[in-house]
Amino acid sequence: MARIKNASIRKTRIRKLHKRVRGFFGARKNLRQAKAAVLKADSYAFRGRKERKRLFRRLWISSINAELTGHDLKYGRFIHGLKLAGIELDRKSLSGLALHDPAAFAAVVAQAKAAL
């Protein structure tokens, strides 16, 4: 009876690793540096998923603030007015209103101003 050691498992792992590093440049696609490259790429991907949330929030805030300049109101005062008026719209939906439906956004701004 033949003894089966780890050859097939090792080949599978190497195949998976080579599949992950496809497109990497230079020595990072060879076996020795590929493991480190994949670990680094995973850490960058993890960080990037967190960063993307921050960047979109900044984008929404800047688009709201740009639209508020026509209404003679600053972003901080506007958000405070929304809280006082009891309007619970998030920044993503407010940004969408500001870009796609200016009349509805103007109504929300008027309610926020009235609450101030």
N, C-alpha and C. Protein backbone atom coordinates (compact mmCIF):
# COMPACT_ATOMS: atom_id res chain seq x y z
N MET A 1 0.84 -1.18 0.00
CA MET A 1 0.00 0.00 0.00
C MET A 1 0.88 1.24 0.00
N ALA A 2 0.59 2.13 -0.89
CA ALA A 2 1.41 3.34 -1.02
C ALA A 2 1.02 4.34 0.05
N ARG A 3 2.03 5.00 0.57
CA ARG A 3 1.77 6.06 1.55
C ARG A 3 1.51 7.36 0.81
N ILE A 4 0.45 8.04 1.19
CA ILE A 4 0.14 9.34 0.58
C ILE A 4 0.59 10.42 1.56
N LYS A 5 1.47 11.25 1.09
CA LYS A 5 1.92 12.34 1.95
C LYS A 5 1.24 13.63 1.51
N ASN A 6 1.90 14.75 1.56
CA ASN A 6 1.25 16.03 1.32
C ASN A 6 1.45 16.58 -0.09
N ALA A 7 1.86 15.74 -1.03
CA ALA A 7 2.17 16.25 -2.37
C ALA A 7 0.95 16.87 -3.04
N SER A 8 -0.18 16.19 -2.98
CA SER A 8 -1.37 16.72 -3.68
C SER A 8 -1.89 17.98 -2.99
N ILE A 9 -1.84 18.01 -1.69
CA ILE A 9 -2.28 19.20 -0.95
C ILE A 9 -1.37 20.38 -1.28
N ARG A 10 -0.06 20.08 -1.34
CA ARG A 10 0.90 21.15 -1.62
C ARG A 10 0.69 21.70 -3.03
N LYS A 11 0.44 20.80 -3.99
CA LYS A 11 0.20 21.26 -5.36
C LYS A 11 -1.05 22.14 -5.43
N THR A 12 -2.07 21.74 -4.69
CA THR A 12 -3.31 22.52 -4.67
C THR A 12 -3.06 23.91 -4.09
N ARG A 13 -2.30 23.96 -3.01
CA ARG A 13 -2.00 25.25 -2.39
C ARG A 13 -1.20 26.14 -3.34
N ILE A 14 -0.21 25.55 -4.00
CA ILE A 14 0.61 26.33 -4.92
C ILE A 14 -0.23 26.82 -6.09
N ARG A 15 -1.13 25.97 -6.58
CA ARG A 15 -2.00 26.36 -7.69
C ARG A 15 -2.90 27.53 -7.28
N LYS A 16 -3.46 27.44 -6.06
CA LYS A 16 -4.30 28.54 -5.56
C LYS A 16 -3.49 29.82 -5.42
N LEU A 17 -2.26 29.69 -4.94
CA LEU A 17 -1.40 30.86 -4.76
C LEU A 17 -1.08 31.49 -6.11
N HIS A 18 -0.74 30.66 -7.11
CA HIS A 18 -0.43 31.19 -8.43
C HIS A 18 -1.65 31.85 -9.06
N LYS A 19 -2.82 31.33 -8.76
CA LYS A 19 -4.04 31.95 -9.28
C LYS A 19 -4.25 33.33 -8.66
N ARG A 20 -3.93 33.48 -7.38
CA ARG A 20 -4.09 34.77 -6.70
C ARG A 20 -3.11 35.81 -7.18
N VAL A 21 -1.88 35.39 -7.56
CA VAL A 21 -0.85 36.37 -7.94
C VAL A 21 -0.80 36.60 -9.44
N ARG A 22 -1.76 36.05 -10.18
CA ARG A 22 -1.78 36.29 -11.62
C ARG A 22 -1.93 37.79 -11.88
N GLY A 23 -1.05 38.35 -12.66
CA GLY A 23 -1.08 39.78 -12.94
C GLY A 23 -0.10 40.57 -12.09
N PHE A 24 0.47 39.95 -11.06
CA PHE A 24 1.48 40.65 -10.27
C PHE A 24 2.74 40.79 -11.12
N PHE A 25 3.56 41.77 -10.80
CA PHE A 25 4.70 42.14 -11.64
C PHE A 25 6.00 41.60 -11.07
N GLY A 26 6.88 41.16 -11.94
CA GLY A 26 8.24 40.80 -11.55
C GLY A 26 8.29 39.54 -10.70
N ALA A 27 9.14 39.58 -9.67
CA ALA A 27 9.37 38.40 -8.85
C ALA A 27 8.20 38.11 -7.91
N ARG A 28 7.25 39.01 -7.82
CA ARG A 28 6.12 38.81 -6.90
C ARG A 28 5.18 37.72 -7.38
N LYS A 29 5.33 37.27 -8.62
CA LYS A 29 4.48 36.19 -9.10
C LYS A 29 5.18 34.84 -9.01
N ASN A 30 6.44 34.83 -8.56
CA ASN A 30 7.14 33.56 -8.34
C ASN A 30 6.83 33.06 -6.94
N LEU A 31 7.06 31.80 -6.72
CA LEU A 31 6.59 31.17 -5.49
C LEU A 31 7.17 31.80 -4.23
N ARG A 32 8.44 32.16 -4.26
CA ARG A 32 9.08 32.60 -3.03
C ARG A 32 8.48 33.92 -2.52
N GLN A 33 8.29 34.87 -3.40
CA GLN A 33 7.77 36.17 -2.97
C GLN A 33 6.25 36.28 -3.11
N ALA A 34 5.64 35.29 -3.73
CA ALA A 34 4.20 35.36 -3.98
C ALA A 34 3.40 35.34 -2.68
N LYS A 35 3.84 34.52 -1.72
CA LYS A 35 3.11 34.44 -0.45
C LYS A 35 3.08 35.79 0.25
N ALA A 36 4.24 36.43 0.31
CA ALA A 36 4.32 37.75 0.95
C ALA A 36 3.49 38.77 0.18
N ALA A 37 3.51 38.67 -1.15
CA ALA A 37 2.75 39.61 -1.97
C ALA A 37 1.26 39.45 -1.73
N VAL A 38 0.79 38.21 -1.59
CA VAL A 38 -0.64 37.97 -1.34
C VAL A 38 -1.04 38.48 0.03
N LEU A 39 -0.19 38.26 1.03
CA LEU A 39 -0.50 38.77 2.37
C LEU A 39 -0.59 40.30 2.37
N LYS A 40 0.35 40.92 1.66
CA LYS A 40 0.34 42.38 1.58
C LYS A 40 -0.89 42.87 0.84
N ALA A 41 -1.24 42.20 -0.26
CA ALA A 41 -2.41 42.59 -1.05
C ALA A 41 -3.68 42.46 -0.22
N ASP A 42 -3.75 41.41 0.60
CA ASP A 42 -4.93 41.23 1.46
C ASP A 42 -5.04 42.34 2.49
N SER A 43 -3.90 42.77 3.03
CA SER A 43 -3.95 43.85 4.01
C SER A 43 -4.37 45.16 3.35
N TYR A 44 -3.88 45.39 2.13
CA TYR A 44 -4.30 46.58 1.40
C TYR A 44 -5.78 46.53 1.07
N ALA A 45 -6.28 45.35 0.71
CA ALA A 45 -7.70 45.21 0.37
C ALA A 45 -8.56 45.47 1.60
N PHE A 46 -8.14 44.97 2.75
CA PHE A 46 -8.88 45.19 3.99
C PHE A 46 -8.94 46.68 4.31
N ARG A 47 -7.77 47.32 4.21
CA ARG A 47 -7.71 48.76 4.48
C ARG A 47 -8.54 49.54 3.47
N GLY A 48 -8.50 49.10 2.21
CA GLY A 48 -9.22 49.79 1.16
C GLY A 48 -10.72 49.74 1.33
N ARG A 49 -11.24 48.63 1.86
CA ARG A 49 -12.68 48.54 2.09
C ARG A 49 -13.12 49.54 3.15
N LYS A 50 -12.28 49.79 4.13
CA LYS A 50 -12.60 50.79 5.16
C LYS A 50 -12.48 52.20 4.57
N GLU A 51 -11.42 52.40 3.77
CA GLU A 51 -11.17 53.72 3.18
C GLU A 51 -12.29 54.15 2.24
N ARG A 52 -12.82 53.19 1.49
CA ARG A 52 -13.86 53.50 0.50
C ARG A 52 -15.09 54.12 1.19
N LYS A 53 -15.43 53.63 2.36
CA LYS A 53 -16.56 54.17 3.10
C LYS A 53 -16.31 55.63 3.49
N ARG A 54 -15.06 55.90 3.93
CA ARG A 54 -14.71 57.28 4.30
C ARG A 54 -14.76 58.20 3.10
N LEU A 55 -14.23 57.73 1.97
CA LEU A 55 -14.17 58.57 0.78
C LEU A 55 -15.56 58.91 0.25
N PHE A 56 -16.46 57.92 0.27
CA PHE A 56 -17.81 58.20 -0.20
C PHE A 56 -18.52 59.18 0.72
N ARG A 57 -18.31 59.05 2.03
CA ARG A 57 -18.92 59.99 2.97
C ARG A 57 -18.43 61.41 2.70
N ARG A 58 -17.11 61.56 2.44
CA ARG A 58 -16.56 62.87 2.12
C ARG A 58 -17.16 63.42 0.83
N LEU A 59 -17.36 62.56 -0.15
CA LEU A 59 -17.95 62.98 -1.42
C LEU A 59 -19.39 63.46 -1.22
N TRP A 60 -20.17 62.71 -0.42
CA TRP A 60 -21.55 63.12 -0.17
C TRP A 60 -21.60 64.45 0.55
N ILE A 61 -20.74 64.63 1.54
CA ILE A 61 -20.73 65.87 2.32
C ILE A 61 -20.36 67.05 1.42
N SER A 62 -19.36 66.86 0.55
CA SER A 62 -18.96 67.98 -0.31
C SER A 62 -20.05 68.33 -1.32
N SER A 63 -20.79 67.32 -1.82
CA SER A 63 -21.86 67.64 -2.76
C SER A 63 -23.02 68.34 -2.06
N ILE A 64 -23.32 67.95 -0.83
CA ILE A 64 -24.37 68.64 -0.05
C ILE A 64 -23.96 70.07 0.20
N ASN A 65 -22.71 70.26 0.61
CA ASN A 65 -22.21 71.60 0.93
C ASN A 65 -22.21 72.49 -0.32
N ALA A 66 -21.88 71.91 -1.46
CA ALA A 66 -21.88 72.70 -2.70
C ALA A 66 -23.29 73.16 -3.04
N GLU A 67 -24.26 72.31 -2.82
CA GLU A 67 -25.65 72.68 -3.11
C GLU A 67 -26.17 73.69 -2.09
N LEU A 68 -25.65 73.64 -0.87
CA LEU A 68 -26.13 74.55 0.18
C LEU A 68 -25.64 75.97 -0.02
N THR A 69 -24.60 76.18 -0.80
CA THR A 69 -24.10 77.54 -1.00
C THR A 69 -25.16 78.40 -1.68
N GLY A 70 -26.01 77.81 -2.50
CA GLY A 70 -27.09 78.56 -3.14
C GLY A 70 -28.23 78.88 -2.20
N HIS A 71 -28.27 78.21 -1.06
CA HIS A 71 -29.34 78.44 -0.08
C HIS A 71 -28.87 79.27 1.12
N ASP A 72 -27.67 79.84 1.04
CA ASP A 72 -27.09 80.66 2.12
C ASP A 72 -27.07 79.92 3.45
N LEU A 73 -26.54 78.72 3.43
CA LEU A 73 -26.45 77.90 4.64
C LEU A 73 -25.18 77.08 4.57
N LYS A 74 -24.56 76.88 5.72
CA LYS A 74 -23.37 76.05 5.77
C LYS A 74 -23.76 74.63 6.17
N TYR A 75 -22.87 73.70 5.86
CA TYR A 75 -23.16 72.28 6.06
C TYR A 75 -23.45 71.96 7.53
N GLY A 76 -22.61 72.46 8.43
CA GLY A 76 -22.78 72.14 9.85
C GLY A 76 -24.10 72.65 10.40
N ARG A 77 -24.46 73.87 10.03
CA ARG A 77 -25.74 74.45 10.48
C ARG A 77 -26.91 73.66 9.88
N PHE A 78 -26.76 73.24 8.65
CA PHE A 78 -27.81 72.47 7.98
C PHE A 78 -28.05 71.14 8.69
N ILE A 79 -26.99 70.43 9.03
CA ILE A 79 -27.13 69.14 9.72
C ILE A 79 -27.74 69.34 11.11
N HIS A 80 -27.33 70.42 11.77
CA HIS A 80 -27.91 70.73 13.08
C HIS A 80 -29.41 71.04 12.95
N GLY A 81 -29.77 71.79 11.91
CA GLY A 81 -31.18 72.08 11.67
C GLY A 81 -31.98 70.83 11.37
N LEU A 82 -31.39 69.90 10.64
CA LEU A 82 -32.07 68.63 10.36
C LEU A 82 -32.34 67.86 11.65
N LYS A 83 -31.36 67.86 12.54
CA LYS A 83 -31.54 67.14 13.81
C LYS A 83 -32.63 67.79 14.65
N LEU A 84 -32.65 69.13 14.67
CA LEU A 84 -33.68 69.83 15.43
C LEU A 84 -35.07 69.61 14.82
N ALA A 85 -35.15 69.51 13.50
CA ALA A 85 -36.42 69.31 12.83
C ALA A 85 -36.88 67.85 12.89
N GLY A 86 -36.01 66.97 13.33
CA GLY A 86 -36.36 65.56 13.42
C GLY A 86 -36.33 64.83 12.10
N ILE A 87 -35.59 65.35 11.14
CA ILE A 87 -35.47 64.71 9.83
C ILE A 87 -34.27 63.77 9.88
N GLU A 88 -34.52 62.49 9.65
CA GLU A 88 -33.45 61.50 9.74
C GLU A 88 -33.07 60.97 8.37
N LEU A 89 -32.54 61.83 7.53
CA LEU A 89 -32.03 61.42 6.23
C LEU A 89 -30.52 61.30 6.33
N ASP A 90 -29.97 60.24 5.76
CA ASP A 90 -28.53 60.10 5.79
C ASP A 90 -27.89 60.93 4.68
N ARG A 91 -26.57 61.04 4.74
CA ARG A 91 -25.86 61.92 3.82
C ARG A 91 -25.93 61.42 2.38
N LYS A 92 -26.00 60.11 2.22
CA LYS A 92 -26.10 59.55 0.86
C LYS A 92 -27.40 59.97 0.19
N SER A 93 -28.51 59.86 0.92
CA SER A 93 -29.79 60.24 0.32
C SER A 93 -29.90 61.75 0.15
N LEU A 94 -29.33 62.52 1.08
CA LEU A 94 -29.33 63.97 0.92
C LEU A 94 -28.53 64.40 -0.31
N SER A 95 -27.41 63.74 -0.53
CA SER A 95 -26.61 64.04 -1.71
C SER A 95 -27.36 63.69 -2.99
N GLY A 96 -28.05 62.56 -2.97
CA GLY A 96 -28.85 62.18 -4.12
C GLY A 96 -29.96 63.18 -4.40
N LEU A 97 -30.61 63.66 -3.33
CA LEU A 97 -31.64 64.69 -3.50
C LEU A 97 -31.04 65.96 -4.09
N ALA A 98 -29.89 66.35 -3.57
CA ALA A 98 -29.26 67.58 -4.04
C ALA A 98 -28.90 67.50 -5.52
N LEU A 99 -28.46 66.33 -5.96
CA LEU A 99 -28.04 66.19 -7.35
C LEU A 99 -29.20 65.96 -8.31
N HIS A 100 -30.18 65.13 -7.91
CA HIS A 100 -31.20 64.69 -8.85
C HIS A 100 -32.56 65.34 -8.67
N ASP A 101 -32.83 65.90 -7.49
CA ASP A 101 -34.14 66.52 -7.26
C ASP A 101 -33.96 67.79 -6.43
N PRO A 102 -33.52 68.88 -7.07
CA PRO A 102 -33.24 70.12 -6.33
C PRO A 102 -34.46 70.70 -5.62
N ALA A 103 -35.65 70.50 -6.16
CA ALA A 103 -36.86 71.04 -5.52
C ALA A 103 -37.10 70.38 -4.17
N ALA A 104 -36.97 69.05 -4.12
CA ALA A 104 -37.15 68.34 -2.85
C ALA A 104 -36.06 68.72 -1.86
N PHE A 105 -34.83 68.90 -2.36
CA PHE A 105 -33.74 69.30 -1.48
C PHE A 105 -34.00 70.70 -0.93
N ALA A 106 -34.55 71.58 -1.74
CA ALA A 106 -34.87 72.93 -1.27
C ALA A 106 -35.93 72.88 -0.18
N ALA A 107 -36.89 71.96 -0.30
CA ALA A 107 -37.91 71.82 0.74
C ALA A 107 -37.30 71.33 2.05
N VAL A 108 -36.35 70.40 1.96
CA VAL A 108 -35.67 69.90 3.16
C VAL A 108 -34.85 71.03 3.78
N VAL A 109 -34.19 71.82 2.94
CA VAL A 109 -33.40 72.96 3.46
C VAL A 109 -34.30 73.97 4.16
N ALA A 110 -35.49 74.21 3.59
CA ALA A 110 -36.41 75.15 4.20
C ALA A 110 -36.87 74.66 5.58
N GLN A 111 -37.11 73.36 5.70
CA GLN A 111 -37.51 72.81 7.01
C GLN A 111 -36.36 72.92 8.00
N ALA A 112 -35.15 72.68 7.55
CA ALA A 112 -33.98 72.79 8.44
C ALA A 112 -33.78 74.22 8.89
N LYS A 113 -33.97 75.17 7.98
CA LYS A 113 -33.83 76.59 8.33
C LYS A 113 -34.88 77.00 9.33
N ALA A 114 -36.11 76.50 9.14
CA ALA A 114 -37.20 76.83 10.06
C ALA A 114 -36.92 76.29 11.46
N ALA A 115 -36.28 75.15 11.54
CA ALA A 115 -35.99 74.55 12.85
C ALA A 115 -34.88 75.31 13.57
N LEU A 116 -34.02 75.99 12.82
CA LEU A 116 -32.94 76.77 13.44
C LEU A 116 -33.53 78.02 14.04
